[in-house]
């Protein structure tokens, strides 16, 4: 008889951290949470807010840490954490250390892929938010949903 591995346990290690809000009651709540975690970082960081059916924040997950000009947004990493946390929907986000929140073609393409994967998995992608801090230290953000870049309809 040959040997295979049996998965006996899959667990997620979580740590309680402070956040400005624990429920996303408006787009600005999401923006404040995102800025709190990655707004002024020196490298691009992809983040996902994992939400339950009532838009309570189940977890905040830093998916990847990139360099000054890019990071990778892969559906696999986003949805693996979401499923382990029993999330029903997500808001994906990343920062732009340059201070500009203008999305790149890669940002838009990655968002489309993630939304398609979410549809297959039954996890709603509510938005993709880009945050930055400009030269005058003002917080900036762009919602790809609000800006009309992506159609997030299921």
Protein backbone atom coordinates (compact mmCIF):
# COMPACT_ATOMS: atom_id res chain seq x y z
CA UNK A 1 0.00 0.00 0.00
CA UNK A 2 1.29 3.50 -0.90
CA UNK A 3 1.35 6.49 1.42
CA UNK A 4 -0.51 9.80 1.02
CA UNK A 5 -0.98 12.72 3.37
CA UNK A 6 -4.24 13.16 5.23
CA UNK A 7 -5.03 16.74 6.23
CA UNK A 8 -6.14 16.61 9.83
CA UNK A 9 -6.23 20.27 10.63
CA UNK A 10 -6.25 23.58 8.84
CA UNK A 11 -6.05 26.58 11.08
CA UNK A 12 -5.50 30.24 10.85
CA UNK A 13 -3.41 32.02 13.45
CA UNK A 14 -5.04 35.33 14.34
CA UNK A 15 -4.00 38.21 16.58
CA UNK A 16 -6.29 40.94 17.89
CA UNK A 17 -5.27 44.40 16.67
CA UNK A 18 -6.80 47.86 16.92
CA UNK A 19 -8.77 49.29 14.02
CA UNK A 20 -10.85 52.45 13.58
CA UNK A 21 -14.04 50.43 12.93
CA UNK A 22 -15.22 46.84 13.31
CA UNK A 23 -18.09 47.11 10.83
CA UNK A 24 -18.17 48.64 7.36
CA UNK A 25 -21.29 50.84 7.50
CA UNK A 26 -20.09 53.14 4.72
CA UNK A 27 -17.31 53.26 2.15
CA UNK A 28 -15.48 55.71 4.42
CA UNK A 29 -15.28 53.12 7.20
CA UNK A 30 -13.47 50.80 4.80
CA UNK A 31 -11.14 53.60 3.69
CA UNK A 32 -10.29 54.50 7.30
CA UNK A 33 -9.50 50.87 8.13
CA UNK A 34 -7.34 50.50 5.03
CA UNK A 35 -5.45 53.75 5.70
CA UNK A 36 -4.90 52.62 9.29
CA UNK A 37 -3.11 49.46 8.16
CA UNK A 38 -1.29 50.44 4.94
CA UNK A 39 -1.87 54.11 4.11
CA UNK A 40 1.62 55.42 4.71
CA UNK A 41 3.73 52.35 3.99
CA UNK A 42 6.90 52.82 1.92
CA UNK A 43 6.24 49.70 -0.20
CA UNK A 44 3.08 48.55 -1.93
CA UNK A 45 1.05 46.23 0.26
CA UNK A 46 -2.03 44.28 -0.80
CA UNK A 47 -4.64 44.00 1.93
CA UNK A 48 -8.01 42.32 2.18
CA UNK A 49 -10.83 43.16 4.56
CA UNK A 50 -12.71 39.93 5.19
CA UNK A 51 -16.36 40.56 6.02
CA UNK A 52 -19.34 38.54 7.24
CA UNK A 53 -22.91 38.85 5.95
CA UNK A 54 -23.52 41.97 8.10
CA UNK A 55 -20.27 43.60 6.94
CA UNK A 56 -18.55 43.04 10.27
CA UNK A 57 -14.79 42.82 9.84
CA UNK A 58 -13.83 39.22 10.56
CA UNK A 59 -10.18 39.80 9.74
CA UNK A 60 -7.71 42.11 8.05
CA UNK A 61 -5.06 40.28 6.07
CA UNK A 62 -1.91 41.69 4.48
CA UNK A 63 -1.80 39.45 1.42
CA UNK A 64 1.53 40.51 -0.05
CA UNK A 65 4.28 43.04 0.49
CA UNK A 66 5.79 44.28 -2.75
CA UNK A 67 8.28 46.96 -3.63
CA UNK A 68 7.96 50.70 -4.12
CA UNK A 69 6.10 50.32 -7.43
CA UNK A 70 4.17 47.07 -7.39
CA UNK A 71 2.73 44.17 -5.47
CA UNK A 72 0.98 41.01 -6.57
CA UNK A 73 -2.76 40.55 -6.17
CA UNK A 74 -3.53 36.85 -6.60
CA UNK A 75 -7.00 35.38 -6.04
CA UNK A 76 -5.56 32.26 -4.42
CA UNK A 77 -4.04 34.09 -1.45
CA UNK A 78 -7.02 36.43 -1.02
CA UNK A 79 -9.62 33.69 -1.01
CA UNK A 80 -7.63 31.16 0.99
CA UNK A 81 -7.60 33.55 3.96
CA UNK A 82 -11.24 34.50 3.32
CA UNK A 83 -12.46 30.91 3.35
CA UNK A 84 -10.49 30.05 6.48
CA UNK A 85 -12.12 33.04 8.22
CA UNK A 86 -15.60 32.03 6.93
CA UNK A 87 -15.87 35.33 5.08
CA UNK A 88 -18.85 36.12 2.86
CA UNK A 89 -17.40 39.16 1.11
CA UNK A 90 -14.14 41.09 0.75
CA UNK A 91 -12.85 44.54 0.05
CA UNK A 92 -9.43 44.35 -1.53
CA UNK A 93 -7.01 47.22 -1.25
CA UNK A 94 -3.47 48.30 -1.82
CA UNK A 95 -1.43 51.43 -1.33
CA UNK A 96 0.56 53.56 -3.73
CA UNK A 97 3.68 54.97 -2.04
CA UNK A 98 3.98 57.47 -4.93
CA UNK A 99 1.07 59.48 -3.46
CA UNK A 100 -1.11 59.02 -6.57
CA UNK A 101 -4.20 56.81 -6.38
CA UNK A 102 -4.54 56.46 -10.16
CA UNK A 103 -4.98 52.75 -10.94
CA UNK A 104 -2.61 51.05 -13.34
CA UNK A 105 -3.87 48.74 -16.09
CA UNK A 106 -2.45 45.88 -13.98
CA UNK A 107 -4.55 47.01 -10.99
CA UNK A 108 -7.70 46.87 -13.09
CA UNK A 109 -6.86 43.52 -14.69
CA UNK A 110 -6.02 41.92 -11.32
CA UNK A 111 -9.27 43.22 -9.86
CA UNK A 112 -11.28 41.69 -12.71
CA UNK A 113 -9.58 38.30 -12.11
CA UNK A 114 -10.25 38.47 -8.37
CA UNK A 115 -13.92 39.40 -8.91
CA UNK A 116 -14.35 36.48 -11.35
CA UNK A 117 -12.77 34.07 -8.87
CA UNK A 118 -15.01 35.43 -6.12
CA UNK A 119 -18.07 34.81 -8.28
CA UNK A 120 -17.06 31.18 -8.74
CA UNK A 121 -16.44 30.74 -5.00
CA UNK A 122 -19.58 32.58 -3.90
CA UNK A 123 -17.60 35.36 -2.19
CA UNK A 124 -18.57 38.89 -3.14
CA UNK A 125 -15.81 41.32 -4.04
CA UNK A 126 -17.39 44.58 -2.90
CA UNK A 127 -14.63 46.94 -3.99
CA UNK A 128 -10.96 47.52 -4.63
CA UNK A 129 -9.61 50.60 -2.90
CA UNK A 130 -6.28 52.27 -3.60
CA UNK A 131 -4.92 54.50 -0.84
CA UNK A 132 -2.01 56.92 -0.69
CA UNK A 133 -0.62 59.84 1.24
CA UNK A 134 0.30 62.83 -0.95
CA UNK A 135 3.22 65.25 -0.62
CA UNK A 136 1.23 67.47 1.79
CA UNK A 137 0.51 64.43 4.00
CA UNK A 138 -3.15 64.32 2.94
CA UNK A 139 -4.84 60.93 2.84
CA UNK A 140 -6.07 60.02 -0.64
CA UNK A 141 -8.17 57.11 -1.86
CA UNK A 142 -9.84 55.80 -4.98
CA UNK A 143 -12.62 53.23 -5.06
CA UNK A 144 -12.51 51.30 -8.33
CA UNK A 145 -16.25 50.65 -7.86
CA UNK A 146 -17.14 54.33 -7.41
CA UNK A 147 -14.81 55.40 -10.24
CA UNK A 148 -16.52 52.96 -12.62
CA UNK A 149 -13.38 51.02 -13.52
CA UNK A 150 -14.84 47.64 -12.62
CA UNK A 151 -18.33 46.19 -12.65
CA UNK A 152 -18.64 44.24 -9.40
CA UNK A 153 -22.14 42.89 -10.11
CA UNK A 154 -22.67 39.21 -9.41
